[in-house]
Amino acid sequence: MNLMSMDFAQGWKVDVQTTDNRGQTPEEVAHRCVDKIVDVSDNATPEVREQARVYRENLEKVIAHYMKQAIRSDRTTVYNAIKDSGHDKLAEYIRRL
């Protein structure tokens, strides 16, 4: 995964992440999500920084876990819709993803 950042006036910042021939993994998306949720002041004590680091790691794992569940659930919905439309072979390909 490639990451580019651009800073603009008035505190705006844009991050662009790209991949080659694939989408982003749940872990990569969870990391981006946590970047938006958790921030630690530059003036924080080392103890607070360490606590925030551990919290971030745990939060990323929880978010990635539930994203994987959502992906499996959506695949089940797509599988059933395709199978119900009479495309059993295509549905089986979706199930195996």
PDB file of N, CA and C in Angstrom:
ATOM      1  N   MET A   1       0.853  -1.163   0.000  1.00  0.00           N
ATOM      2  CA  MET A   1       0.000   0.000   0.000  1.00  0.00           C
ATOM      3  C   MET A   1       0.899   1.225   0.000  1.00  0.00           C
ATOM      4  N   ASN A   2       0.527   2.226  -0.799  1.00  0.00           N
ATOM      5  CA  ASN A   2       1.265   3.476  -0.884  1.00  0.00           C
ATOM      6  C   ASN A   2       0.486   4.575  -0.191  1.00  0.00           C
ATOM      7  N   LEU A   3       1.193   5.481   0.489  1.00  0.00           N
ATOM      8  CA  LEU A   3       0.554   6.565   1.215  1.00  0.00           C
ATOM      9  C   LEU A   3       1.158   7.888   0.779  1.00  0.00           C
ATOM     10  N   MET A   4       0.288   8.857   0.478  1.00  0.00           N
ATOM     11  CA  MET A   4       0.695  10.220   0.166  1.00  0.00           C
ATOM     12  C   MET A   4      -0.069  11.157   1.077  1.00  0.00           C
ATOM     13  N   SER A   5       0.596  12.198   1.576  1.00  0.00           N
ATOM     14  CA  SER A   5      -0.079  13.192   2.394  1.00  0.00           C
ATOM     15  C   SER A   5       0.165  14.568   1.808  1.00  0.00           C
ATOM     16  N   MET A   6      -0.857  15.396   1.896  1.00  0.00           N
ATOM     17  CA  MET A   6      -0.738  16.785   1.452  1.00  0.00           C
ATOM     18  C   MET A   6      -1.318  17.671   2.546  1.00  0.00           C
ATOM     19  N   ASP A   7      -0.557  18.675   2.958  1.00  0.00           N
ATOM     20  CA  ASP A   7      -1.037  19.620   3.949  1.00  0.00           C
ATOM     21  C   ASP A   7      -1.482  20.897   3.252  1.00  0.00           C
ATOM     22  N   PHE A   8      -2.584  21.467   3.722  1.00  0.00           N
ATOM     23  CA  PHE A   8      -3.133  22.693   3.168  1.00  0.00           C
ATOM     24  C   PHE A   8      -3.239  23.735   4.271  1.00  0.00           C
ATOM     25  N   ALA A   9      -3.540  24.946   3.890  1.00  0.00           N
ATOM     26  CA  ALA A   9      -3.727  26.022   4.853  1.00  0.00           C
ATOM     27  C   ALA A   9      -4.892  25.694   5.779  1.00  0.00           C
ATOM     28  N   GLN A  10      -4.934  26.320   6.908  1.00  0.00           N
ATOM     29  CA  GLN A  10      -6.007  26.207   7.889  1.00  0.00           C
ATOM     30  C   GLN A  10      -6.136  24.790   8.468  1.00  0.00           C
ATOM     31  N   GLY A  11      -5.041  24.053   8.524  1.00  0.00           N
ATOM     32  CA  GLY A  11      -5.049  22.760   9.191  1.00  0.00           C
ATOM     33  C   GLY A  11      -5.622  21.599   8.404  1.00  0.00           C
ATOM     34  N   TRP A  12      -6.005  21.817   7.161  1.00  0.00           N
ATOM     35  CA  TRP A  12      -6.537  20.723   6.342  1.00  0.00           C
ATOM     36  C   TRP A  12      -5.402  19.815   5.919  1.00  0.00           C
ATOM     37  N   LYS A  13      -5.665  18.523   5.932  1.00  0.00           N
ATOM     38  CA  LYS A  13      -4.680  17.534   5.493  1.00  0.00           C
ATOM     39  C   LYS A  13      -5.416  16.448   4.722  1.00  0.00           C
ATOM     40  N   VAL A  14      -4.855  16.040   3.615  1.00  0.00           N
ATOM     41  CA  VAL A  14      -5.447  14.989   2.794  1.00  0.00           C
ATOM     42  C   VAL A  14      -4.463  13.831   2.710  1.00  0.00           C
ATOM     43  N   ASP A  15      -4.940  12.643   3.051  1.00  0.00           N
ATOM     44  CA  ASP A  15      -4.144  11.426   2.902  1.00  0.00           C
ATOM     45  C   ASP A  15      -4.734  10.601   1.772  1.00  0.00           C
ATOM     46  N   VAL A  16      -3.872  10.093   0.918  1.00  0.00           N
ATOM     47  CA  VAL A  16      -4.304   9.231  -0.177  1.00  0.00           C
ATOM     48  C   VAL A  16      -3.536   7.923  -0.058  1.00  0.00           C
ATOM     49  N   GLN A  17      -4.272   6.823   0.014  1.00  0.00           N
ATOM     50  CA  GLN A  17      -3.654   5.512   0.087  1.00  0.00           C
ATOM     51  C   GLN A  17      -4.076   4.705  -1.124  1.00  0.00           C
ATOM     52  N   THR A  18      -3.108   4.085  -1.771  1.00  0.00           N
ATOM     53  CA  THR A  18      -3.400   3.292  -2.957  1.00  0.00           C
ATOM     54  C   THR A  18      -2.863   1.876  -2.785  1.00  0.00           C
ATOM     55  N   THR A  19      -3.425   0.963  -3.543  1.00  0.00           N
ATOM     56  CA  THR A  19      -2.949  -0.413  -3.581  1.00  0.00           C
ATOM     57  C   THR A  19      -2.758  -0.800  -5.046  1.00  0.00           C
ATOM     58  N   ASP A  20      -2.054  -1.883  -5.258  1.00  0.00           N
ATOM     59  CA  ASP A  20      -1.837  -2.385  -6.616  1.00  0.00           C
ATOM     60  C   ASP A  20      -2.663  -3.653  -6.828  1.00  0.00           C
ATOM     61  N   ASN A  21      -3.632  -3.574  -7.740  1.00  0.00           N
ATOM     62  CA  ASN A  21      -4.436  -4.728  -8.153  1.00  0.00           C
ATOM     63  C   ASN A  21      -5.208  -5.399  -7.018  1.00  0.00           C
ATOM     64  N   ARG A  22      -5.633  -4.620  -6.032  1.00  0.00           N
ATOM     65  CA  ARG A  22      -6.457  -5.161  -4.958  1.00  0.00           C
ATOM     66  C   ARG A  22      -7.117  -4.008  -4.213  1.00  0.00           C
ATOM     67  N   GLY A  23      -8.134  -4.344  -3.451  1.00  0.00           N
ATOM     68  CA  GLY A  23      -8.729  -3.364  -2.560  1.00  0.00           C
ATOM     69  C   GLY A  23      -7.960  -3.340  -1.252  1.00  0.00           C
ATOM     70  N   GLN A  24      -8.374  -2.488  -0.346  1.00  0.00           N
ATOM     71  CA  GLN A  24      -7.718  -2.434   0.949  1.00  0.00           C
ATOM     72  C   GLN A  24      -8.257  -3.532   1.859  1.00  0.00           C
ATOM     73  N   THR A  25      -7.384  -4.053   2.689  1.00  0.00           N
ATOM     74  CA  THR A  25      -7.768  -5.104   3.629  1.00  0.00           C
ATOM     75  C   THR A  25      -8.537  -4.486   4.805  1.00  0.00           C
ATOM     76  N   PRO A  26      -9.292  -5.298   5.529  1.00  0.00           N
ATOM     77  CA  PRO A  26      -9.957  -4.773   6.726  1.00  0.00           C
ATOM     78  C   PRO A  26      -8.962  -4.158   7.718  1.00  0.00           C
ATOM     79  N   GLU A  27      -7.772  -4.740   7.817  1.00  0.00           N
ATOM     80  CA  GLU A  27      -6.759  -4.206   8.722  1.00  0.00           C
ATOM     81  C   GLU A  27      -6.295  -2.818   8.281  1.00  0.00           C
ATOM     82  N   GLU A  28      -6.123  -2.639   6.980  1.00  0.00           N
ATOM     83  CA  GLU A  28      -5.701  -1.324   6.471  1.00  0.00           C
ATOM     84  C   GLU A  28      -6.787  -0.270   6.693  1.00  0.00           C
ATOM     85  N   VAL A  29      -8.030  -0.641   6.450  1.00  0.00           N
ATOM     86  CA  VAL A  29      -9.137   0.295   6.657  1.00  0.00           C
ATOM     87  C   VAL A  29      -9.290   0.590   8.149  1.00  0.00           C
ATOM     88  N   ALA A  30      -9.136  -0.421   8.994  1.00  0.00           N
ATOM     89  CA  ALA A  30      -9.229  -0.214  10.439  1.00  0.00           C
ATOM     90  C   ALA A  30      -8.154   0.755  10.917  1.00  0.00           C
ATOM     91  N   HIS A  31      -6.955   0.640  10.367  1.00  0.00           N
ATOM     92  CA  HIS A  31      -5.868   1.563  10.733  1.00  0.00           C
ATOM     93  C   HIS A  31      -6.243   2.998  10.369  1.00  0.00           C
ATOM     94  N   ARG A  32      -6.791   3.185   9.168  1.00  0.00           N
ATOM     95  CA  ARG A  32      -7.229   4.527   8.749  1.00  0.00           C
ATOM     96  C   ARG A  32      -8.330   5.044   9.667  1.00  0.00           C
ATOM     97  N   CYS A  33      -9.246   4.175  10.027  1.00  0.00           N
ATOM     98  CA  CYS A  33     -10.352   4.541  10.905  1.00  0.00           C
ATOM     99  C   CYS A  33      -9.822   5.017  12.260  1.00  0.00           C
ATOM    100  N   VAL A  34      -8.907   4.262  12.834  1.00  0.00           N
ATOM    101  CA  VAL A  34      -8.356   4.614  14.141  1.00  0.00           C
ATOM    102  C   VAL A  34      -7.578   5.932  14.064  1.00  0.00           C
ATOM    103  N   ASP A  35      -6.939   6.188  12.936  1.00  0.00           N
ATOM    104  CA  ASP A  35      -6.251   7.473  12.762  1.00  0.00           C
ATOM    105  C   ASP A  35      -7.219   8.642  12.901  1.00  0.00           C
ATOM    106  N   LYS A  36      -8.469   8.435  12.513  1.00  0.00           N
ATOM    107  CA  LYS A  36      -9.488   9.490  12.620  1.00  0.00           C
ATOM    108  C   LYS A  36     -10.096   9.561  14.018  1.00  0.00           C
ATOM    109  N   ILE A  37     -10.055   8.454  14.763  1.00  0.00           N
ATOM    110  CA  ILE A  37     -10.701   8.399  16.070  1.00  0.00           C
ATOM    111  C   ILE A  37      -9.758   8.807  17.203  1.00  0.00           C
ATOM    112  N   VAL A  38      -8.521   8.339  17.159  1.00  0.00           N
ATOM    113  CA  VAL A  38      -7.594   8.520  18.273  1.00  0.00           C
ATOM    114  C   VAL A  38      -6.433   9.417  17.856  1.00  0.00           C
ATOM    115  N   ASP A  39      -6.209  10.452  18.641  1.00  0.00           N
ATOM    116  CA  ASP A  39      -5.078  11.341  18.424  1.00  0.00           C
ATOM    117  C   ASP A  39      -4.507  11.687  19.795  1.00  0.00           C
ATOM    118  N   VAL A  40      -3.214  11.822  19.883  1.00  0.00           N
ATOM    119  CA  VAL A  40      -2.563  12.125  21.148  1.00  0.00           C
ATOM    120  C   VAL A  40      -1.762  13.403  20.980  1.00  0.00           C
ATOM    121  N   SER A  41      -1.891  14.274  21.933  1.00  0.00           N
ATOM    122  CA  SER A  41      -1.181  15.548  21.906  1.00  0.00           C
ATOM    123  C   SER A  41       0.324  15.335  21.908  1.00  0.00           C
ATOM    124  N   ASP A  42       1.038  16.194  21.217  1.00  0.00           N
ATOM    125  CA  ASP A  42       2.500  16.158  21.244  1.00  0.00           C
ATOM    126  C   ASP A  42       3.034  16.429  22.648  1.00  0.00           C
ATOM    127  N   ASN A  43       2.226  17.071  23.479  1.00  0.00           N
ATOM    128  CA  ASN A  43       2.637  17.420  24.844  1.00  0.00           C
ATOM    129  C   ASN A  43       2.262  16.352  25.870  1.00  0.00           C
ATOM    130  N   ALA A  44       1.691  15.244  25.433  1.00  0.00           N
ATOM    131  CA  ALA A  44       1.264  14.191  26.362  1.00  0.00           C
ATOM    132  C   ALA A  44       2.476  13.545  27.024  1.00  0.00           C
ATOM    133  N   THR A  45       2.260  13.062  28.221  1.00  0.00           N
ATOM    134  CA  THR A  45       3.333  12.377  28.945  1.00  0.00           C
ATOM    135  C   THR A  45       3.626  11.040  28.279  1.00  0.00           C
ATOM    136  N   PRO A  46       4.807  10.478  28.507  1.00  0.00           N
ATOM    137  CA  PRO A  46       5.129   9.163  27.925  1.00  0.00           C
ATOM    138  C   PRO A  46       4.128   8.081  28.335  1.00  0.00           C
ATOM    139  N   GLU A  47       3.619   8.162  29.573  1.00  0.00           N
ATOM    140  CA  GLU A  47       2.656   7.162  30.028  1.00  0.00           C
ATOM    141  C   GLU A  47       1.348   7.255  29.237  1.00  0.00           C
ATOM    142  N   VAL A  48       0.900   8.472  28.997  1.00  0.00           N
ATOM    143  CA  VAL A  48      -0.332   8.665  28.222  1.00  0.00           C
ATOM    144  C   VAL A  48      -0.116   8.226  26.784  1.00  0.00           C
ATOM    145  N   ARG A  49       1.036   8.535  26.226  1.00  0.00           N
ATOM    146  CA  ARG A  49       1.342   8.121  24.853  1.00  0.00           C
ATOM    147  C   ARG A  49       1.323   6.599  24.726  1.00  0.00           C
ATOM    148  N   GLU A  50       1.917   5.906  25.703  1.00  0.00           N
ATOM    149  CA  GLU A  50       1.948   4.445  25.676  1.00  0.00           C
ATOM    150  C   GLU A  50       0.548   3.876  25.822  1.00  0.00           C
ATOM    151  N   GLN A  51      -0.241   4.454  26.721  1.00  0.00           N
ATOM    152  CA  GLN A  51      -1.622   3.999  26.897  1.00  0.00           C
ATOM    153  C   GLN A  51      -2.410   4.189  25.602  1.00  0.00           C
ATOM    154  N   ALA A  52      -2.216   5.308  24.932  1.00  0.00           N
ATOM    155  CA  ALA A  52      -2.906   5.575  23.665  1.00  0.00           C
ATOM    156  C   ALA A  52      -2.458   4.595  22.583  1.00  0.00           C
ATOM    157  N   ARG A  53      -1.169   4.254  22.561  1.00  0.00           N
ATOM    158  CA  ARG A  53      -0.650   3.306  21.563  1.00  0.00           C
ATOM    159  C   ARG A  53      -1.320   1.937  21.742  1.00  0.00           C
ATOM    160  N   VAL A  54      -1.407   1.466  22.971  1.00  0.00           N
ATOM    161  CA  VAL A  54      -2.033   0.177  23.250  1.00  0.00           C
ATOM    162  C   VAL A  54      -3.518   0.229  22.902  1.00  0.00           C
ATOM    163  N   TYR A  55      -4.176   1.326  23.253  1.00  0.00           N
ATOM    164  CA  TYR A  55      -5.595   1.492  22.940  1.00  0.00           C
ATOM    165  C   TYR A  55      -5.812   1.456  21.431  1.00  0.00           C
ATOM    166  N   ARG A  56      -4.960   2.155  20.683  1.00  0.00           N
ATOM    167  CA  ARG A  56      -5.056   2.165  19.211  1.00  0.00           C
ATOM    168  C   ARG A  56      -4.936   0.751  18.649  1.00  0.00           C
ATOM    169  N   GLU A  57      -3.941  -0.005  19.126  1.00  0.00           N
ATOM    170  CA  GLU A  57      -3.733  -1.370  18.635  1.00  0.00           C
ATOM    171  C   GLU A  57      -4.968  -2.238  18.885  1.00  0.00           C
ATOM    172  N   ASN A  58      -5.514  -2.143  20.099  1.00  0.00           N
ATOM    173  CA  ASN A  58      -6.700  -2.934  20.425  1.00  0.00           C
ATOM    174  C   ASN A  58      -7.906  -2.496  19.604  1.00  0.00           C
ATOM    175  N   LEU A  59      -8.085  -1.199  19.432  1.00  0.00           N
ATOM    176  CA  LEU A  59      -9.203  -0.680  18.655  1.00  0.00           C
ATOM    177  C   LEU A  59      -9.110  -1.125  17.193  1.00  0.00           C
ATOM    178  N   GLU A  60      -7.911  -1.110  16.626  1.00  0.00           N
ATOM    179  CA  GLU A  60      -7.725  -1.581  15.247  1.00  0.00           C
ATOM    180  C   GLU A  60      -8.146  -3.039  15.109  1.00  0.00           C
ATOM    181  N   LYS A  61      -7.774  -3.875  16.074  1.00  0.00           N
ATOM    182  CA  LYS A  61      -8.134  -5.299  16.025  1.00  0.00           C
ATOM    183  C   LYS A  61      -9.648  -5.485  16.093  1.00  0.00           C
ATOM    184  N   VAL A  62     -10.307  -4.727  16.976  1.00  0.00           N
ATOM    185  CA  VAL A  62     -11.762  -4.844  17.117  1.00  0.00           C
ATOM    186  C   VAL A  62     -12.462  -4.399  15.838  1.00  0.00           C
ATOM    187  N   ILE A  63     -12.049  -3.270  15.285  1.00  0.00           N
ATOM    188  CA  ILE A  63     -12.672  -2.754  14.060  1.00  0.00           C
ATOM    189  C   ILE A  63     -12.461  -3.738  12.904  1.00  0.00           C
ATOM    190  N   ALA A  64     -11.235  -4.239  12.741  1.00  0.00           N
ATOM    191  CA  ALA A  64     -10.951  -5.193  11.658  1.00  0.00           C
ATOM    192  C   ALA A  64     -11.788  -6.455  11.817  1.00  0.00           C
ATOM    193  N   HIS A  65     -11.934  -6.946  13.047  1.00  0.00           N
ATOM    194  CA  HIS A  65     -12.738  -8.144  13.300  1.00  0.00           C
ATOM    195  C   HIS A  65     -14.183  -7.941  12.830  1.00  0.00           C
ATOM    196  N   TYR A  66     -14.797  -6.829  13.220  1.00  0.00           N
ATOM    197  CA  TYR A  66     -16.188  -6.594  12.847  1.00  0.00           C
ATOM    198  C   TYR A  66     -16.340  -6.264  11.369  1.00  0.00           C
ATOM    199  N   MET A  67     -15.319  -5.687  10.764  1.00  0.00           N
ATOM    200  CA  MET A  67     -15.367  -5.469   9.316  1.00  0.00           C
ATOM    201  C   MET A  67     -15.365  -6.804   8.581  1.00  0.00           C
ATOM    202  N   LYS A  68     -14.553  -7.742   9.046  1.00  0.00           N
ATOM    203  CA  LYS A  68     -14.517  -9.074   8.433  1.00  0.00           C
ATOM    204  C   LYS A  68     -15.873  -9.760   8.561  1.00  0.00           C
ATOM    205  N   GLN A  69     -16.521  -9.607   9.725  1.00  0.00           N
ATOM    206  CA  GLN A  69     -17.862 -10.184   9.896  1.00  0.00           C
ATOM    207  C   GLN A  69     -18.849  -9.544   8.925  1.00  0.00           C
ATOM    208  N   ALA A  70     -18.762  -8.233   8.749  1.00  0.00           N
ATOM    209  CA  ALA A  70     -19.664  -7.540   7.826  1.00  0.00           C
ATOM    210  C   ALA A  70     -19.426  -7.996   6.391  1.00  0.00           C
ATOM    211  N   ILE A  71     -18.174  -8.199   6.017  1.00  0.00           N
ATOM    212  CA  ILE A  71     -17.853  -8.673   4.667  1.00  0.00           C
ATOM    213  C   ILE A  71     -18.435 -10.066   4.443  1.00  0.00           C
ATOM    214  N   ARG A  72     -18.254 -10.965   5.419  1.00  0.00           N
ATOM    215  CA  ARG A  72     -18.817 -12.322   5.291  1.00  0.00           C
ATOM    216  C   ARG A  72     -20.338 -12.278   5.185  1.00  0.00           C
ATOM    217  N   SER A  73     -20.948 -11.422   5.988  1.00  0.00           N
ATOM    218  CA  SER A  73     -22.406 -11.305   5.959  1.00  0.00           C
ATOM    219  C   SER A  73     -22.879 -10.784   4.607  1.00  0.00           C
ATOM    220  N   ASP A  74     -22.186  -9.794   4.069  1.00  0.00           N
ATOM    221  CA  ASP A  74     -22.570  -9.255   2.766  1.00  0.00           C
ATOM    222  C   ASP A  74     -22.388 -10.300   1.666  1.00  0.00           C
ATOM    223  N   ARG A  75     -21.313 -11.072   1.749  1.00  0.00           N
ATOM    224  CA  ARG A  75     -21.099 -12.136   0.755  1.00  0.00           C
ATOM    225  C   ARG A  75     -22.220 -13.163   0.818  1.00  0.00           C
ATOM    226  N   THR A  76     -22.705 -13.459   2.017  1.00  0.00           N
ATOM    227  CA  THR A  76     -23.824 -14.394   2.162  1.00  0.00           C
ATOM    228  C   THR A  76     -25.059 -13.829   1.480  1.00  0.00           C
ATOM    229  N   THR A  77     -25.310 -12.543   1.675  1.00  0.00           N
ATOM    230  CA  THR A  77     -26.457 -11.893   1.036  1.00  0.00           C
ATOM    231  C   THR A  77     -26.324 -11.941  -0.481  1.00  0.00           C
ATOM    232  N   VAL A  78     -25.144 -11.625  -1.010  1.00  0.00           N
ATOM    233  CA  VAL A  78     -24.908 -11.648  -2.461  1.00  0.00           C
ATOM    234  C   VAL A  78     -25.042 -13.072  -2.989  1.00  0.00           C
ATOM    235  N   TYR A  79     -24.444 -14.042  -2.270  1.00  0.00           N
ATOM    236  CA  TYR A  79     -24.537 -15.448  -2.665  1.00  0.00           C
ATOM    237  C   TYR A  79     -26.001 -15.866  -2.801  1.00  0.00           C
ATOM    238  N   ASN A  80     -26.795 -15.572  -1.784  1.00  0.00           N
ATOM    239  CA  ASN A  80     -28.207 -15.972  -1.806  1.00  0.00           C
ATOM    240  C   ASN A  80     -28.981 -15.288  -2.927  1.00  0.00           C
ATOM    241  N   ALA A  81     -28.705 -14.016  -3.169  1.00  0.00           N
ATOM    242  CA  ALA A  81     -29.405 -13.298  -4.240  1.00  0.00           C
ATOM    243  C   ALA A  81     -29.054 -13.889  -5.606  1.00  0.00           C
ATOM    244  N   ILE A  82     -27.792 -14.216  -5.820  1.00  0.00           N
ATOM    245  CA  ILE A  82     -27.374 -14.792  -7.107  1.00  0.00           C
ATOM    246  C   ILE A  82     -27.929 -16.203  -7.261  1.00  0.00           C
ATOM    247  N   LYS A  83     -27.871 -16.978  -6.188  1.00  0.00           N
ATOM    248  CA  LYS A  83     -28.399 -18.344  -6.234  1.00  0.00           C
ATOM    249  C   LYS A  83     -29.908 -18.328  -6.492  1.00  0.00           C
ATOM    250  N   ASP A  84     -30.625 -17.422  -5.821  1.00  0.00           N
ATOM    251  CA  ASP A  84     -32.074 -17.316  -6.008  1.00  0.00           C
ATOM    252  C   ASP A  84     -32.451 -16.898  -7.430  1.00  0.00           C
ATOM    253  N   SER A  85     -31.508 -16.242  -8.124  1.00  0.00           N
ATOM    254  CA  SER A  85     -31.800 -15.828  -9.498  1.00  0.00           C
ATOM    255  C   SER A  85     -31.441 -16.919 -10.505  1.00  0.00           C
ATOM    256  N   GLY A  86     -31.009 -18.087  -9.982  1.00  0.00           N
ATOM    257  CA  GLY A  86     -30.771 -19.226 -10.860  1.00  0.00           C
ATOM    258  C   GLY A  86     -29.342 -19.374 -11.352  1.00  0.00           C
ATOM    259  N   HIS A  87     -28.407 -18.662 -10.753  1.00  0.00           N
ATOM    260  CA  HIS A  87     -27.006 -18.720 -11.186  1.00  0.00           C
ATOM    261  C   HIS A  87     -26.166 -19.439 -10.128  1.00  0.00           C
ATOM    262  N   ASP A  88     -26.412 -20.729  -9.991  1.00  0.00           N
ATOM    263  CA  ASP A  88     -25.768 -21.511  -8.938  1.00  0.00           C
ATOM    264  C   ASP A  88     -24.245 -21.502  -9.028  1.00  0.00           C
ATOM    265  N   LYS A  89     -23.707 -21.639 -10.226  1.00  0.00           N
ATOM    266  CA  LYS A  89     -22.255 -21.703 -10.389  1.00  0.00           C
ATOM    267  C   LYS A  89     -21.607 -20.372 -10.000  1.00  0.00           C
ATOM    268  N   LEU A  90     -22.179 -19.270 -10.444  1.00  0.00           N
ATOM    269  CA  LEU A  90     -21.658 -17.948 -10.078  1.00  0.00           C
ATOM    270  C   LEU A  90     -21.771 -17.741  -8.566  1.00  0.00           C
ATOM    271  N   ALA A  91     -22.864 -18.159  -7.980  1.00  0.00           N
ATOM    272  CA  ALA A  91     -23.052 -18.035  -6.531  1.00  0.00           C
ATOM    273  C   ALA A  91     -21.956 -18.804  -5.787  1.00  0.00           C
ATOM    274  N   GLU A  92     -21.620 -19.964  -6.295  1.00  0.00           N
ATOM    275  CA  GLU A  92     -20.567 -20.756  -5.662  1.00  0.00           C
ATOM    276  C   GLU A  92     -19.216 -20.055  -5.740  1.00  0.00           C
ATOM    277  N   TYR A  93     -18.935 -19.395  -6.855  1.00  0.00           N
ATOM    278  CA  TYR A  93     -17.685 -18.617  -6.959  1.00  0.00           C
ATOM    279  C   TYR A  93     -17.656 -17.503  -5.907  1.00  0.00           C
ATOM    280  N   ILE A  94     -18.772 -16.845  -5.709  1.00  0.00           N
ATOM    281  CA  ILE A  94     -18.863 -15.774  -4.704  1.00  0.00           C
ATOM    282  C   ILE A  94     -18.645 -16.356  -3.316  1.00  0.00           C
ATOM    283  N   ARG A  95     -19.245 -17.496  -3.037  1.00  0.00           N
ATOM    284  CA  ARG A  95     -19.103 -18.108  -1.724  1.00  0.00           C
ATOM    285  C   ARG A  95     -17.657 -18.436  -1.406  1.00  0.00           C
ATOM    286  N   ARG A  96     -16.882 -18.818  -2.415  1.00  0.00           N
ATOM    287  CA  ARG A  96     -15.495 -19.211  -2.203  1.00  0.00           C
ATOM    288  C   ARG A  96     -14.533 -18.035  -2.029  1.00  0.00           C
ATOM    289  N   LEU A  97     -14.974 -16.825  -2.317  1.00  0.00           N
ATOM    290  CA  LEU A  97     -14.092 -15.658  -2.149  1.00  0.00           C
ATOM    291  C   LEU A  97     -13.620 -15.483  -0.742  1.00  0.00           C
TER     292      LEU A  97
END
